[in-house]
């Protein structure tokens, strides 16, 4: 099944950057604090909006998706005071490519 890239395409228009753990975690970073955190966590590759256009970010994320392992997901993340988990938004949830296949079984 092909996943929908619509939410990712919208998110990269406003993103400060993108990050990948080179396994399954792909993040669209929505503010400067998240860029700083991911750099501190050692995420590499990590690209800022000054390095890539939104179209290039989308293309890069799609390349990372194709190279990632089966637990892959794409999340938007923004800084939220209090509960940092509230800042995560599923753009492509983990297992999304399998959901439609299971519906036909």
PDB file of N, CA and C in Angstrom:
ATOM      1  N   UNK A   1       0.834  -1.187   0.000  1.00  0.00           N
ATOM      2  CA  UNK A   1       0.000   0.000   0.000  1.00  0.00           C
ATOM      3  C   UNK A   1       0.877   1.248   0.000  1.00  0.00           C
ATOM      4  N   UNK A   2       0.462   2.202  -0.715  1.00  0.00           N
ATOM      5  CA  UNK A   2       1.161   3.490  -0.717  1.00  0.00           C
ATOM      6  C   UNK A   2       0.642   4.335   0.433  1.00  0.00           C
ATOM      7  N   UNK A   3       1.537   4.948   1.166  1.00  0.00           N
ATOM      8  CA  UNK A   3       1.136   5.825   2.263  1.00  0.00           C
ATOM      9  C   UNK A   3       0.785   7.199   1.700  1.00  0.00           C
ATOM     10  N   UNK A   4       0.008   7.954   2.448  1.00  0.00           N
ATOM     11  CA  UNK A   4      -0.357   9.309   2.046  1.00  0.00           C
ATOM     12  C   UNK A   4       0.681  10.294   2.565  1.00  0.00           C
ATOM     13  N   UNK A   5       1.194  11.098   1.678  1.00  0.00           N
ATOM     14  CA  UNK A   5       2.207  12.094   2.019  1.00  0.00           C
ATOM     15  C   UNK A   5       1.604  13.479   2.235  1.00  0.00           C
ATOM     16  N   UNK A   6       0.277  13.598   2.196  1.00  0.00           N
ATOM     17  CA  UNK A   6      -0.387  14.897   2.276  1.00  0.00           C
ATOM     18  C   UNK A   6      -0.013  15.685   3.532  1.00  0.00           C
ATOM     19  N   UNK A   7      -0.077  15.061   4.701  1.00  0.00           N
ATOM     20  CA  UNK A   7       0.229  15.756   5.957  1.00  0.00           C
ATOM     21  C   UNK A   7       1.698  16.172   6.022  1.00  0.00           C
ATOM     22  N   UNK A   8       2.573  15.327   5.496  1.00  0.00           N
ATOM     23  CA  UNK A   8       3.999  15.651   5.484  1.00  0.00           C
ATOM     24  C   UNK A   8       4.236  16.851   4.578  1.00  0.00           C
ATOM     25  N   UNK A   9       3.597  16.863   3.432  1.00  0.00           N
ATOM     26  CA  UNK A   9       3.755  17.959   2.481  1.00  0.00           C
ATOM     27  C   UNK A   9       3.332  19.297   3.099  1.00  0.00           C
ATOM     28  N   UNK A  10       2.263  19.302   3.863  1.00  0.00           N
ATOM     29  CA  UNK A  10       1.817  20.521   4.538  1.00  0.00           C
ATOM     30  C   UNK A  10       2.800  20.912   5.637  1.00  0.00           C
ATOM     31  N   UNK A  11       3.243  19.945   6.434  1.00  0.00           N
ATOM     32  CA  UNK A  11       4.132  20.224   7.564  1.00  0.00           C
ATOM     33  C   UNK A  11       5.466  20.826   7.126  1.00  0.00           C
ATOM     34  N   UNK A  12       6.050  20.320   6.048  1.00  0.00           N
ATOM     35  CA  UNK A  12       7.364  20.842   5.631  1.00  0.00           C
ATOM     36  C   UNK A  12       7.298  22.289   5.166  1.00  0.00           C
ATOM     37  N   UNK A  13       6.128  22.756   4.796  1.00  0.00           N
ATOM     38  CA  UNK A  13       5.987  24.162   4.392  1.00  0.00           C
ATOM     39  C   UNK A  13       6.301  25.108   5.547  1.00  0.00           C
ATOM     40  N   UNK A  14       6.041  24.670   6.786  1.00  0.00           N
ATOM     41  CA  UNK A  14       6.254  25.503   7.969  1.00  0.00           C
ATOM     42  C   UNK A  14       7.416  25.029   8.832  1.00  0.00           C
ATOM     43  N   UNK A  15       8.042  23.937   8.449  1.00  0.00           N
ATOM     44  CA  UNK A  15       9.067  23.298   9.283  1.00  0.00           C
ATOM     45  C   UNK A  15      10.351  24.110   9.362  1.00  0.00           C
ATOM     46  N   UNK A  16      11.019  23.968  10.510  1.00  0.00           N
ATOM     47  CA  UNK A  16      12.350  24.540  10.702  1.00  0.00           C
ATOM     48  C   UNK A  16      13.423  23.563  10.241  1.00  0.00           C
ATOM     49  N   UNK A  17      13.056  22.255  10.134  1.00  0.00           N
ATOM     50  CA  UNK A  17      14.018  21.260   9.688  1.00  0.00           C
ATOM     51  C   UNK A  17      13.452  19.861   9.739  1.00  0.00           C
ATOM     52  N   UNK A  18      14.308  18.903   9.391  1.00  0.00           N
ATOM     53  CA  UNK A  18      13.950  17.483   9.404  1.00  0.00           C
ATOM     54  C   UNK A  18      15.114  16.691   9.991  1.00  0.00           C
ATOM     55  N   UNK A  19      14.783  15.552  10.601  1.00  0.00           N
ATOM     56  CA  UNK A  19      15.805  14.704  11.221  1.00  0.00           C
ATOM     57  C   UNK A  19      15.442  13.241  11.034  1.00  0.00           C
ATOM     58  N   UNK A  20      16.483  12.381  11.028  1.00  0.00           N
ATOM     59  CA  UNK A  20      16.305  10.936  10.818  1.00  0.00           C
ATOM     60  C   UNK A  20      17.309  10.200  11.686  1.00  0.00           C
ATOM     61  N   UNK A  21      16.849   9.138  12.362  1.00  0.00           N
ATOM     62  CA  UNK A  21      17.765   8.348  13.201  1.00  0.00           C
ATOM     63  C   UNK A  21      18.453   7.235  12.416  1.00  0.00           C
ATOM     64  N   UNK A  22      18.238   7.184  11.110  1.00  0.00           N
ATOM     65  CA  UNK A  22      18.804   6.194  10.191  1.00  0.00           C
ATOM     66  C   UNK A  22      18.276   4.787  10.449  1.00  0.00           C
ATOM     67  N   UNK A  23      17.161   4.686  11.151  1.00  0.00           N
ATOM     68  CA  UNK A  23      16.494   3.401  11.330  1.00  0.00           C
ATOM     69  C   UNK A  23      15.010   3.546  11.012  1.00  0.00           C
ATOM     70  N   UNK A  24      14.238   4.174  11.919  1.00  0.00           N
ATOM     71  CA  UNK A  24      12.801   4.259  11.681  1.00  0.00           C
ATOM     72  C   UNK A  24      12.146   5.563  12.126  1.00  0.00           C
ATOM     73  N   UNK A  25      12.858   6.411  12.836  1.00  0.00           N
ATOM     74  CA  UNK A  25      12.289   7.658  13.345  1.00  0.00           C
ATOM     75  C   UNK A  25      12.615   8.810  12.402  1.00  0.00           C
ATOM     76  N   UNK A  26      11.572   9.356  11.790  1.00  0.00           N
ATOM     77  CA  UNK A  26      11.719  10.501  10.895  1.00  0.00           C
ATOM     78  C   UNK A  26      10.884  11.638  11.478  1.00  0.00           C
ATOM     79  N   UNK A  27      11.533  12.784  11.694  1.00  0.00           N
ATOM     80  CA  UNK A  27      10.862  13.907  12.336  1.00  0.00           C
ATOM     81  C   UNK A  27      10.857  15.143  11.449  1.00  0.00           C
ATOM     82  N   UNK A  28       9.723  15.818  11.448  1.00  0.00           N
ATOM     83  CA  UNK A  28       9.594  17.145  10.863  1.00  0.00           C
ATOM     84  C   UNK A  28       9.578  18.097  12.058  1.00  0.00           C
ATOM     85  N   UNK A  29      10.587  18.934  12.151  1.00  0.00           N
ATOM     86  CA  UNK A  29      10.812  19.782  13.326  1.00  0.00           C
ATOM     87  C   UNK A  29      10.175  21.147  13.092  1.00  0.00           C
ATOM     88  N   UNK A  30       9.240  21.501  13.974  1.00  0.00           N
ATOM     89  CA  UNK A  30       8.414  22.664  13.739  1.00  0.00           C
ATOM     90  C   UNK A  30       8.888  23.948  14.417  1.00  0.00           C
ATOM     91  N   UNK A  31       9.943  23.866  15.237  1.00  0.00           N
ATOM     92  CA  UNK A  31      10.442  25.091  15.867  1.00  0.00           C
ATOM     93  C   UNK A  31      11.940  24.967  16.149  1.00  0.00           C
ATOM     94  N   UNK A  32      12.528  26.109  16.479  1.00  0.00           N
ATOM     95  CA  UNK A  32      13.974  26.153  16.705  1.00  0.00           C
ATOM     96  C   UNK A  32      14.402  25.301  17.897  1.00  0.00           C
ATOM     97  N   UNK A  33      13.570  25.216  18.928  1.00  0.00           N
ATOM     98  CA  UNK A  33      13.906  24.403  20.104  1.00  0.00           C
ATOM     99  C   UNK A  33      14.049  22.931  19.713  1.00  0.00           C
ATOM    100  N   UNK A  34      13.194  22.446  18.840  1.00  0.00           N
ATOM    101  CA  UNK A  34      13.290  21.051  18.395  1.00  0.00           C
ATOM    102  C   UNK A  34      14.540  20.832  17.551  1.00  0.00           C
ATOM    103  N   UNK A  35      14.900  21.818  16.755  1.00  0.00           N
ATOM    104  CA  UNK A  35      16.155  21.720  15.998  1.00  0.00           C
ATOM    105  C   UNK A  35      17.331  21.574  16.963  1.00  0.00           C
ATOM    106  N   UNK A  36      17.339  22.394  18.000  1.00  0.00           N
ATOM    107  CA  UNK A  36      18.418  22.362  18.988  1.00  0.00           C
ATOM    108  C   UNK A  36      18.436  21.028  19.739  1.00  0.00           C
ATOM    109  N   UNK A  37      17.266  20.527  20.120  1.00  0.00           N
ATOM    110  CA  UNK A  37      17.195  19.239  20.821  1.00  0.00           C
ATOM    111  C   UNK A  37      17.720  18.095  19.962  1.00  0.00           C
ATOM    112  N   UNK A  38      17.295  18.038  18.711  1.00  0.00           N
ATOM    113  CA  UNK A  38      17.722  16.942  17.837  1.00  0.00           C
ATOM    114  C   UNK A  38      19.226  16.989  17.583  1.00  0.00           C
ATOM    115  N   UNK A  39      19.761  18.196  17.470  1.00  0.00           N
ATOM    116  CA  UNK A  39      21.206  18.333  17.312  1.00  0.00           C
ATOM    117  C   UNK A  39      21.902  17.811  18.572  1.00  0.00           C
ATOM    118  N   UNK A  40      21.362  18.160  19.741  1.00  0.00           N
ATOM    119  CA  UNK A  40      21.917  17.688  21.009  1.00  0.00           C
ATOM    120  C   UNK A  40      21.814  16.183  21.171  1.00  0.00           C
ATOM    121  N   UNK A  41      20.750  15.581  20.634  1.00  0.00           N
ATOM    122  CA  UNK A  41      20.586  14.126  20.691  1.00  0.00           C
ATOM    123  C   UNK A  41      21.515  13.414  19.720  1.00  0.00           C
ATOM    124  N   UNK A  42      22.141  14.165  18.835  1.00  0.00           N
ATOM    125  CA  UNK A  42      23.066  13.572  17.876  1.00  0.00           C
ATOM    126  C   UNK A  42      22.427  13.080  16.594  1.00  0.00           C
ATOM    127  N   UNK A  43      21.214  13.555  16.287  1.00  0.00           N
ATOM    128  CA  UNK A  43      20.570  13.131  15.043  1.00  0.00           C
ATOM    129  C   UNK A  43      21.403  13.599  13.856  1.00  0.00           C
ATOM    130  N   UNK A  44      21.707  12.659  12.991  1.00  0.00           N
ATOM    131  CA  UNK A  44      22.461  12.925  11.792  1.00  0.00           C
ATOM    132  C   UNK A  44      22.051  11.867  10.781  1.00  0.00           C
ATOM    133  N   UNK A  45      21.330  12.244   9.766  1.00  0.00           N
ATOM    134  CA  UNK A  45      21.192  13.562   9.189  1.00  0.00           C
ATOM    135  C   UNK A  45      20.154  14.447   9.889  1.00  0.00           C
ATOM    136  N   UNK A  46      20.453  15.731   9.857  1.00  0.00           N
ATOM    137  CA  UNK A  46      19.604  16.792  10.379  1.00  0.00           C
ATOM    138  C   UNK A  46      19.774  17.977   9.433  1.00  0.00           C
ATOM    139  N   UNK A  47      18.684  18.395   8.809  1.00  0.00           N
ATOM    140  CA  UNK A  47      18.739  19.499   7.853  1.00  0.00           C
ATOM    141  C   UNK A  47      17.792  20.599   8.292  1.00  0.00           C
ATOM    142  N   UNK A  48      18.218  21.839   8.135  1.00  0.00           N
ATOM    143  CA  UNK A  48      17.384  22.990   8.481  1.00  0.00           C
ATOM    144  C   UNK A  48      16.692  23.531   7.239  1.00  0.00           C
ATOM    145  N   UNK A  49      15.699  24.377   7.483  1.00  0.00           N
ATOM    146  CA  UNK A  49      14.978  25.003   6.371  1.00  0.00           C
ATOM    147  C   UNK A  49      15.858  25.998   5.615  1.00  0.00           C
ATOM    148  N   UNK A  50      16.991  26.370   6.185  1.00  0.00           N
ATOM    149  CA  UNK A  50      17.921  27.222   5.433  1.00  0.00           C
ATOM    150  C   UNK A  50      18.788  26.399   4.474  1.00  0.00           C
ATOM    151  N   UNK A  51      18.807  25.081   4.680  1.00  0.00           N
ATOM    152  CA  UNK A  51      19.582  24.192   3.807  1.00  0.00           C
ATOM    153  C   UNK A  51      18.737  23.564   2.699  1.00  0.00           C
ATOM    154  N   UNK A  52      17.471  23.297   3.007  1.00  0.00           N
ATOM    155  CA  UNK A  52      16.590  22.633   2.048  1.00  0.00           C
ATOM    156  C   UNK A  52      15.275  23.387   1.913  1.00  0.00           C
ATOM    157  N   UNK A  53      14.751  23.439   0.710  1.00  0.00           N
ATOM    158  CA  UNK A  53      13.413  24.003   0.493  1.00  0.00           C
ATOM    159  C   UNK A  53      12.378  22.994   0.994  1.00  0.00           C
ATOM    160  N   UNK A  54      11.129  23.410   1.158  1.00  0.00           N
ATOM    161  CA  UNK A  54      10.100  22.436   1.540  1.00  0.00           C
ATOM    162  C   UNK A  54      10.015  21.248   0.571  1.00  0.00           C
ATOM    163  N   UNK A  55      10.129  21.498  -0.715  1.00  0.00           N
ATOM    164  CA  UNK A  55      10.077  20.402  -1.697  1.00  0.00           C
ATOM    165  C   UNK A  55      11.255  19.451  -1.512  1.00  0.00           C
ATOM    166  N   UNK A  56      12.427  20.006  -1.232  1.00  0.00           N
ATOM    167  CA  UNK A  56      13.609  19.174  -0.996  1.00  0.00           C
ATOM    168  C   UNK A  56      13.479  18.386   0.314  1.00  0.00           C
ATOM    169  N   UNK A  57      12.881  19.010   1.331  1.00  0.00           N
ATOM    170  CA  UNK A  57      12.649  18.289   2.585  1.00  0.00           C
ATOM    171  C   UNK A  57      11.727  17.098   2.352  1.00  0.00           C
ATOM    172  N   UNK A  58      10.650  17.317   1.610  1.00  0.00           N
ATOM    173  CA  UNK A  58       9.718  16.223   1.317  1.00  0.00           C
ATOM    174  C   UNK A  58      10.422  15.105   0.565  1.00  0.00           C
ATOM    175  N   UNK A  59      11.183  15.453  -0.443  1.00  0.00           N
ATOM    176  CA  UNK A  59      11.913  14.452  -1.224  1.00  0.00           C
ATOM    177  C   UNK A  59      12.910  13.690  -0.351  1.00  0.00           C
ATOM    178  N   UNK A  60      13.590  14.398   0.547  1.00  0.00           N
ATOM    179  CA  UNK A  60      14.553  13.761   1.451  1.00  0.00           C
ATOM    180  C   UNK A  60      13.848  12.808   2.403  1.00  0.00           C
ATOM    181  N   UNK A  61      12.730  13.231   2.954  1.00  0.00           N
ATOM    182  CA  UNK A  61      11.955  12.368   3.855  1.00  0.00           C
ATOM    183  C   UNK A  61      11.499  11.109   3.121  1.00  0.00           C
ATOM    184  N   UNK A  62      11.065  11.241   1.889  1.00  0.00           N
ATOM    185  CA  UNK A  62      10.641  10.077   1.112  1.00  0.00           C
ATOM    186  C   UNK A  62      11.809   9.128   0.854  1.00  0.00           C
ATOM    187  N   UNK A  63      12.995   9.676   0.633  1.00  0.00           N
ATOM    188  CA  UNK A  63      14.191   8.845   0.458  1.00  0.00           C
ATOM    189  C   UNK A  63      14.515   8.117   1.759  1.00  0.00           C
ATOM    190  N   UNK A  64      14.446   8.838   2.883  1.00  0.00           N
ATOM    191  CA  UNK A  64      14.679   8.207   4.187  1.00  0.00           C
ATOM    192  C   UNK A  64      13.654   7.104   4.431  1.00  0.00           C
ATOM    193  N   UNK A  65      12.409   7.356   4.091  1.00  0.00           N
ATOM    194  CA  UNK A  65      11.336   6.372   4.278  1.00  0.00           C
ATOM    195  C   UNK A  65      11.683   5.084   3.529  1.00  0.00           C
ATOM    196  N   UNK A  66      12.096   5.219   2.305  1.00  0.00           N
ATOM    197  CA  UNK A  66      12.429   4.046   1.490  1.00  0.00           C
ATOM    198  C   UNK A  66      13.620   3.272   2.065  1.00  0.00           C
ATOM    199  N   UNK A  67      14.520   3.970   2.749  1.00  0.00           N
ATOM    200  CA  UNK A  67      15.721   3.337   3.309  1.00  0.00           C
ATOM    201  C   UNK A  67      15.532   2.847   4.742  1.00  0.00           C
ATOM    202  N   UNK A  68      14.403   3.151   5.344  1.00  0.00           N
ATOM    203  CA  UNK A  68      14.213   2.845   6.768  1.00  0.00           C
ATOM    204  C   UNK A  68      13.693   1.428   6.990  1.00  0.00           C
ATOM    205  N   UNK A  69      13.757   1.005   8.259  1.00  0.00           N
ATOM    206  CA  UNK A  69      13.294  -0.336   8.620  1.00  0.00           C
ATOM    207  C   UNK A  69      11.775  -0.356   8.801  1.00  0.00           C
ATOM    208  N   UNK A  70      11.233  -1.520   9.046  1.00  0.00           N
ATOM    209  CA  UNK A  70       9.791  -1.727   9.072  1.00  0.00           C
ATOM    210  C   UNK A  70       9.010  -1.003  10.151  1.00  0.00           C
ATOM    211  N   UNK A  71       9.649  -0.508  11.185  1.00  0.00           N
ATOM    212  CA  UNK A  71       8.945   0.196  12.260  1.00  0.00           C
ATOM    213  C   UNK A  71       8.798   1.688  11.983  1.00  0.00           C
ATOM    214  N   UNK A  72       9.027   2.094  10.775  1.00  0.00           N
ATOM    215  CA  UNK A  72       9.132   3.505  10.405  1.00  0.00           C
ATOM    216  C   UNK A  72       7.853   4.312  10.645  1.00  0.00           C
ATOM    217  N   UNK A  73       8.093   5.598  10.897  1.00  0.00           N
ATOM    218  CA  UNK A  73       7.013   6.570  11.028  1.00  0.00           C
ATOM    219  C   UNK A  73       7.568   7.955  10.744  1.00  0.00           C
ATOM    220  N   UNK A  74       6.662   8.888  10.449  1.00  0.00           N
ATOM    221  CA  UNK A  74       7.024  10.301  10.297  1.00  0.00           C
ATOM    222  C   UNK A  74       6.157  11.074  11.274  1.00  0.00           C
ATOM    223  N   UNK A  75       6.801  11.822  12.162  1.00  0.00           N
ATOM    224  CA  UNK A  75       6.086  12.637  13.140  1.00  0.00           C
ATOM    225  C   UNK A  75       6.503  14.089  13.016  1.00  0.00           C
ATOM    226  N   UNK A  76       5.537  14.965  13.145  1.00  0.00           N
ATOM    227  CA  UNK A  76       5.833  16.372  13.328  1.00  0.00           C
ATOM    228  C   UNK A  76       6.040  16.580  14.822  1.00  0.00           C
ATOM    229  N   UNK A  77       6.956  17.450  15.187  1.00  0.00           N
ATOM    230  CA  UNK A  77       7.189  17.694  16.612  1.00  0.00           C
ATOM    231  C   UNK A  77       7.439  19.174  16.845  1.00  0.00           C
ATOM    232  N   UNK A  78       6.715  19.692  17.834  1.00  0.00           N
ATOM    233  CA  UNK A  78       6.874  21.079  18.243  1.00  0.00           C
ATOM    234  C   UNK A  78       7.043  21.107  19.748  1.00  0.00           C
ATOM    235  N   UNK A  79       7.619  22.155  20.261  1.00  0.00           N
ATOM    236  CA  UNK A  79       7.867  22.280  21.688  1.00  0.00           C
ATOM    237  C   UNK A  79       6.575  22.672  22.399  1.00  0.00           C
ATOM    238  N   UNK A  80       6.236  21.901  23.439  1.00  0.00           N
ATOM    239  CA  UNK A  80       5.069  22.175  24.262  1.00  0.00           C
ATOM    240  C   UNK A  80       5.526  22.204  25.715  1.00  0.00           C
ATOM    241  N   UNK A  81       5.264  23.292  26.400  1.00  0.00           N
ATOM    242  CA  UNK A  81       5.629  23.400  27.811  1.00  0.00           C
ATOM    243  C   UNK A  81       4.774  22.434  28.633  1.00  0.00           C
ATOM    244  N   UNK A  82       5.364  21.874  29.659  1.00  0.00           N
ATOM    245  CA  UNK A  82       4.636  20.952  30.523  1.00  0.00           C
ATOM    246  C   UNK A  82       4.822  19.518  30.099  1.00  0.00           C
ATOM    247  N   UNK A  83       4.058  19.067  29.116  1.00  0.00           N
ATOM    248  CA  UNK A  83       4.119  17.689  28.646  1.00  0.00           C
ATOM    249  C   UNK A  83       4.671  17.652  27.224  1.00  0.00           C
ATOM    250  N   UNK A  84       5.966  17.353  27.071  1.00  0.00           N
ATOM    251  CA  UNK A  84       6.561  17.351  25.726  1.00  0.00           C
ATOM    252  C   UNK A  84       5.893  16.374  24.759  1.00  0.00           C
ATOM    253  N   UNK A  85       5.264  15.317  25.273  1.00  0.00           N
ATOM    254  CA  UNK A  85       4.611  14.343  24.388  1.00  0.00           C
ATOM    255  C   UNK A  85       3.442  14.948  23.617  1.00  0.00           C
ATOM    256  N   UNK A  86       2.875  16.034  24.128  1.00  0.00           N
ATOM    257  CA  UNK A  86       1.769  16.696  23.427  1.00  0.00           C
ATOM    258  C   UNK A  86       2.229  17.369  22.138  1.00  0.00           C
ATOM    259  N   UNK A  87       3.536  17.532  21.973  1.00  0.00           N
ATOM    260  CA  UNK A  87       4.063  18.185  20.785  1.00  0.00           C
ATOM    261  C   UNK A  87       4.221  17.283  19.580  1.00  0.00           C
ATOM    262  N   UNK A  88       3.972  15.979  19.725  1.00  0.00           N
ATOM    263  CA  UNK A  88       4.139  15.028  18.624  1.00  0.00           C
ATOM    264  C   UNK A  88       2.826  14.843  17.874  1.00  0.00           C
ATOM    265  N   UNK A  89       2.921  14.896  16.552  1.00  0.00           N
ATOM    266  CA  UNK A  89       1.762  14.700  15.683  1.00  0.00           C
ATOM    267  C   UNK A  89       2.108  13.626  14.663  1.00  0.00           C
ATOM    268  N   UNK A  90       1.278  12.598  14.567  1.00  0.00           N
ATOM    269  CA  UNK A  90       1.487  11.563  13.552  1.00  0.00           C
ATOM    270  C   UNK A  90       1.209  12.138  12.171  1.00  0.00           C
ATOM    271  N   UNK A  91       2.233  12.182  11.352  1.00  0.00           N
ATOM    272  CA  UNK A  91       2.044  12.563   9.955  1.00  0.00           C
ATOM    273  C   UNK A  91       1.866  11.311   9.115  1.00  0.00           C
ATOM    274  N   UNK A  92       2.690  10.308   9.377  1.00  0.00           N
ATOM    275  CA  UNK A  92       2.506   8.951   8.854  1.00  0.00           C
ATOM    276  C   UNK A  92       2.752   8.036  10.044  1.00  0.00           C
ATOM    277  N   UNK A  93       1.692   7.458  10.608  1.00  0.00           N
ATOM    278  CA  UNK A  93       1.869   6.635  11.807  1.00  0.00           C
ATOM    279  C   UNK A  93       2.616   5.337  11.531  1.00  0.00           C
ATOM    280  N   UNK A  94       3.212   4.816  12.579  1.00  0.00           N
ATOM    281  CA  UNK A  94       3.919   3.547  12.485  1.00  0.00           C
ATOM    282  C   UNK A  94       2.934   2.475  12.012  1.00  0.00           C
ATOM    283  N   UNK A  95       3.336   1.699  11.014  1.00  0.00           N
ATOM    284  CA  UNK A  95       2.496   0.627  10.477  1.00  0.00           C
ATOM    285  C   UNK A  95       1.476   1.083   9.449  1.00  0.00           C
ATOM    286  N   UNK A  96       1.502   2.341   9.062  1.00  0.00           N
ATOM    287  CA  UNK A  96       0.497   2.874   8.130  1.00  0.00           C
ATOM    288  C   UNK A  96       0.448   2.108   6.817  1.00  0.00           C
ATOM    289  N   UNK A  97       1.591   1.644   6.344  1.00  0.00           N
ATOM    290  CA  UNK A  97       1.591   0.957   5.054  1.00  0.00           C
ATOM    291  C   UNK A  97       0.954  -0.423   5.122  1.00  0.00           C
ATOM    292  N   UNK A  98       0.725  -0.921   6.341  1.00  0.00           N
ATOM    293  CA  UNK A  98       0.125  -2.244   6.495  1.00  0.00           C
ATOM    294  C   UNK A  98      -1.364  -2.199   6.801  1.00  0.00           C
ATOM    295  N   UNK A  99      -1.884  -1.054   7.222  1.00  0.00           N
ATOM    296  CA  UNK A  99      -3.278  -0.940   7.626  1.00  0.00           C
ATOM    297  C   UNK A  99      -4.240  -1.288   6.516  1.00  0.00           C
ATOM    298  N   UNK A 100      -4.032  -0.761   5.313  1.00  0.00           N
ATOM    299  CA  UNK A 100      -4.921  -1.036   4.206  1.00  0.00           C
ATOM    300  C   UNK A 100      -4.826  -2.498   3.774  1.00  0.00           C
ATOM    301  N   UNK A 101      -3.627  -3.072   3.790  1.00  0.00           N
ATOM    302  CA  UNK A 101      -3.454  -4.466   3.397  1.00  0.00           C
ATOM    303  C   UNK A 101      -4.264  -5.379   4.317  1.00  0.00           C
ATOM    304  N   UNK A 102      -4.266  -5.103   5.636  1.00  0.00           N
ATOM    305  CA  UNK A 102      -5.007  -5.918   6.581  1.00  0.00           C
ATOM    306  C   UNK A 102      -6.505  -5.841   6.350  1.00  0.00           C
ATOM    307  N   UNK A 103      -7.000  -4.714   5.838  1.00  0.00           N
ATOM    308  CA  UNK A 103      -8.419  -4.555   5.582  1.00  0.00           C
ATOM    309  C   UNK A 103      -8.912  -5.493   4.493  1.00  0.00           C
ATOM    310  N   UNK A 104      -8.013  -5.943   3.620  1.00  0.00           N
ATOM    311  CA  UNK A 104      -8.409  -6.818   2.515  1.00  0.00           C
ATOM    312  C   UNK A 104      -8.177  -8.299   2.808  1.00  0.00           C
ATOM    313  N   UNK A 105      -7.648  -8.599   3.971  1.00  0.00           N
ATOM    314  CA  UNK A 105      -7.344 -10.000   4.301  1.00  0.00           C
ATOM    315  C   UNK A 105      -8.595 -10.708   4.757  1.00  0.00           C
TER     316      UNK A 105
END
